[in-house]
Amino acid sequence: MTTRLRVLDDGAWISVDDSREVRVSELWRLDAPDLCECALTDLVVENFQSVGVDGSTVEVQVYGQCIACGEAGTTGWVPVGRVRGGEFAELARSAVRSSRARPPRQHVPDR
């Protein structure tokens, strides 16, 4: 089953199968040492940079600002929900999300 993922409206929304599901202007709790030095980052999500999938997990890279220390920047890949049985389920807004670098894709040489 194919799921369409897109960034819409100049980075304001994540669309899953042509339905706006995740929006900016929210506060996320992140474990994101790549963004700032806070133990947990309280990130105001300002713009979605890209969207992807890792298995059934929908992940995004976002630009935002930590409200505790003021550091701003783009995160690594952060989970926002899962697709199960063709339906999107957003992570709980109170969840602590972990930002991570996506591992490189494996290259299989031609035979």
C-alpha atoms as a PDB file:
ATOM      1  CA  MET A   1       0.000   0.000   0.000  1.00  0.00           C
ATOM      2  CA  THR A   2       1.375   3.411  -0.969  1.00  0.00           C
ATOM      3  CA  THR A   3       1.100   6.434   1.328  1.00  0.00           C
ATOM      4  CA  ARG A   4       1.573   9.926  -0.115  1.00  0.00           C
ATOM      5  CA  LEU A   5       3.584  12.277   2.086  1.00  0.00           C
ATOM      6  CA  ARG A   6       4.067  15.950   1.232  1.00  0.00           C
ATOM      7  CA  VAL A   7       5.033  19.264   2.778  1.00  0.00           C
ATOM      8  CA  LEU A   8       2.298  21.823   1.971  1.00  0.00           C
ATOM      9  CA  ASP A   9       1.762  25.582   2.141  1.00  0.00           C
ATOM     10  CA  ASP A  10       5.413  26.644   2.236  1.00  0.00           C
ATOM     11  CA  GLY A  11       6.223  24.283   5.099  1.00  0.00           C
ATOM     12  CA  ALA A  12       3.137  24.898   7.234  1.00  0.00           C
ATOM     13  CA  TRP A  13       1.586  21.398   7.008  1.00  0.00           C
ATOM     14  CA  ILE A  14       2.467  17.743   6.543  1.00  0.00           C
ATOM     15  CA  SER A  15      -0.016  16.016   4.289  1.00  0.00           C
ATOM     16  CA  VAL A  16      -0.632  12.260   4.531  1.00  0.00           C
ATOM     17  CA  ASP A  17      -2.650  10.873   1.612  1.00  0.00           C
ATOM     18  CA  ASP A  18      -3.831  14.383   0.676  1.00  0.00           C
ATOM     19  CA  SER A  19      -5.092  15.177   4.171  1.00  0.00           C
ATOM     20  CA  ARG A  20      -3.447  17.883   6.316  1.00  0.00           C
ATOM     21  CA  GLU A  21      -2.381  16.032   9.462  1.00  0.00           C
ATOM     22  CA  VAL A  22       0.483  17.843  11.254  1.00  0.00           C
ATOM     23  CA  ARG A  23       0.889  21.632  11.468  1.00  0.00           C
ATOM     24  CA  VAL A  24       3.504  24.133  12.573  1.00  0.00           C
ATOM     25  CA  SER A  25       3.132  26.516  15.541  1.00  0.00           C
ATOM     26  CA  GLU A  26       3.118  23.683  18.047  1.00  0.00           C
ATOM     27  CA  LEU A  27       5.437  23.084  20.975  1.00  0.00           C
ATOM     28  CA  TRP A  28       7.324  19.777  20.853  1.00  0.00           C
ATOM     29  CA  ARG A  29       9.483  18.227  23.575  1.00  0.00           C
ATOM     30  CA  LEU A  30      12.597  16.860  21.904  1.00  0.00           C
ATOM     31  CA  ASP A  31      15.657  14.940  22.879  1.00  0.00           C
ATOM     32  CA  ALA A  32      17.736  16.842  20.325  1.00  0.00           C
ATOM     33  CA  PRO A  33      21.367  17.353  21.351  1.00  0.00           C
ATOM     34  CA  ASP A  34      22.121  18.233  17.708  1.00  0.00           C
ATOM     35  CA  LEU A  35      19.950  21.361  18.053  1.00  0.00           C
ATOM     36  CA  CYS A  36      20.776  22.807  21.479  1.00  0.00           C
ATOM     37  CA  GLU A  37      22.385  21.945  24.804  1.00  0.00           C
ATOM     38  CA  CYS A  38      19.147  21.754  26.826  1.00  0.00           C
ATOM     39  CA  ALA A  39      18.457  18.370  28.461  1.00  0.00           C
ATOM     40  CA  LEU A  40      15.086  18.401  26.669  1.00  0.00           C
ATOM     41  CA  THR A  41      14.389  20.953  23.952  1.00  0.00           C
ATOM     42  CA  ASP A  42      11.073  22.814  24.075  1.00  0.00           C
ATOM     43  CA  LEU A  43      10.849  23.471  20.348  1.00  0.00           C
ATOM     44  CA  VAL A  44       8.395  25.836  18.712  1.00  0.00           C
ATOM     45  CA  VAL A  45       7.926  24.259  15.279  1.00  0.00           C
ATOM     46  CA  GLU A  46       8.175  27.023  12.683  1.00  0.00           C
ATOM     47  CA  ASN A  47       8.574  25.212   9.349  1.00  0.00           C
ATOM     48  CA  PHE A  48       8.641  21.684   7.961  1.00  0.00           C
ATOM     49  CA  GLN A  49      11.728  21.170   5.815  1.00  0.00           C
ATOM     50  CA  SER A  50      11.106  17.624   4.580  1.00  0.00           C
ATOM     51  CA  VAL A  51       9.032  14.529   5.265  1.00  0.00           C
ATOM     52  CA  GLY A  52       9.884  10.862   4.928  1.00  0.00           C
ATOM     53  CA  VAL A  53       9.092   7.407   6.192  1.00  0.00           C
ATOM     54  CA  ASP A  54      11.125   4.793   8.039  1.00  0.00           C
ATOM     55  CA  GLY A  55       9.110   1.579   7.971  1.00  0.00           C
ATOM     56  CA  SER A  56       5.654   2.664   9.157  1.00  0.00           C
ATOM     57  CA  THR A  57       6.947   5.737  11.027  1.00  0.00           C
ATOM     58  CA  VAL A  58       6.394   9.144   9.408  1.00  0.00           C
ATOM     59  CA  GLU A  59       9.341  11.452  10.163  1.00  0.00           C
ATOM     60  CA  VAL A  60      10.038  15.110   9.495  1.00  0.00           C
ATOM     61  CA  GLN A  61      12.895  17.557   9.618  1.00  0.00           C
ATOM     62  CA  VAL A  62      11.733  20.856  11.072  1.00  0.00           C
ATOM     63  CA  TYR A  63      13.099  24.337  11.578  1.00  0.00           C
ATOM     64  CA  GLY A  64      12.271  25.752  14.968  1.00  0.00           C
ATOM     65  CA  GLN A  65      13.458  27.527  18.096  1.00  0.00           C
ATOM     66  CA  CYS A  66      14.016  26.282  21.641  1.00  0.00           C
ATOM     67  CA  ILE A  67      12.009  28.510  23.976  1.00  0.00           C
ATOM     68  CA  ALA A  68      14.350  27.790  26.905  1.00  0.00           C
ATOM     69  CA  CYS A  69      17.703  28.839  25.415  1.00  0.00           C
ATOM     70  CA  GLY A  70      16.711  30.601  22.175  1.00  0.00           C
ATOM     71  CA  GLU A  71      18.783  28.362  19.886  1.00  0.00           C
ATOM     72  CA  ALA A  72      17.213  27.976  16.438  1.00  0.00           C
ATOM     73  CA  GLY A  73      17.931  25.521  13.655  1.00  0.00           C
ATOM     74  CA  THR A  74      16.870  22.451  11.746  1.00  0.00           C
ATOM     75  CA  THR A  75      16.411  19.144  13.545  1.00  0.00           C
ATOM     76  CA  GLY A  76      17.423  15.690  12.474  1.00  0.00           C
ATOM     77  CA  TRP A  77      14.597  13.280  11.626  1.00  0.00           C
ATOM     78  CA  VAL A  78      11.799  13.430  14.213  1.00  0.00           C
ATOM     79  CA  PRO A  79       8.862  10.979  14.334  1.00  0.00           C
ATOM     80  CA  VAL A  80       5.374  12.516  14.072  1.00  0.00           C
ATOM     81  CA  GLY A  81       3.180   9.446  13.629  1.00  0.00           C
ATOM     82  CA  ARG A  82       2.652   6.027  12.104  1.00  0.00           C
ATOM     83  CA  VAL A  83       0.740   4.623   9.178  1.00  0.00           C
ATOM     84  CA  ARG A  84      -1.077   1.406  10.041  1.00  0.00           C
ATOM     85  CA  GLY A  85      -3.606  -0.292   7.828  1.00  0.00           C
ATOM     86  CA  GLY A  86      -3.626   2.736   5.554  1.00  0.00           C
ATOM     87  CA  GLU A  87      -4.547   5.113   8.402  1.00  0.00           C
ATOM     88  CA  PHE A  88      -2.329   7.830   9.897  1.00  0.00           C
ATOM     89  CA  ALA A  89      -2.066   8.045  13.692  1.00  0.00           C
ATOM     90  CA  GLU A  90      -0.262  11.118  15.048  1.00  0.00           C
ATOM     91  CA  LEU A  91       2.013  10.736  18.076  1.00  0.00           C
ATOM     92  CA  ALA A  92       0.611  12.094  21.316  1.00  0.00           C
ATOM     93  CA  ARG A  93       1.359  15.803  21.577  1.00  0.00           C
ATOM     94  CA  SER A  94       2.828  15.238  25.057  1.00  0.00           C
ATOM     95  CA  ALA A  95       5.331  12.616  23.807  1.00  0.00           C
ATOM     96  CA  VAL A  96       9.064  13.294  24.044  1.00  0.00           C
ATOM     97  CA  ARG A  97      10.417  12.826  20.528  1.00  0.00           C
ATOM     98  CA  SER A  98      14.001  11.928  19.664  1.00  0.00           C
ATOM     99  CA  SER A  99      15.789  13.669  16.825  1.00  0.00           C
ATOM    100  CA  ARG A 100      18.221  11.453  14.927  1.00  0.00           C
ATOM    101  CA  ALA A 101      20.297  11.438  11.810  1.00  0.00           C
ATOM    102  CA  ARG A 102      18.835   9.039   9.279  1.00  0.00           C
ATOM    103  CA  PRO A 103      21.311   6.248   8.521  1.00  0.00           C
ATOM    104  CA  PRO A 104      22.653   6.230   4.962  1.00  0.00           C
ATOM    105  CA  ARG A 105      20.925   3.964   2.489  1.00  0.00           C
ATOM    106  CA  GLN A 106      22.715   0.766   1.631  1.00  0.00           C
ATOM    107  CA  HIS A 107      24.129   0.730  -1.876  1.00  0.00           C
ATOM    108  CA  VAL A 108      23.923  -2.646  -3.622  1.00  0.00           C
ATOM    109  CA  PRO A 109      26.503  -2.894  -6.406  1.00  0.00           C
ATOM    110  CA  ASP A 110      25.360  -4.001  -9.862  1.00  0.00           C
ATOM    111  CA  ARG A 111      26.181  -7.607 -10.691  1.00  0.00           C
END
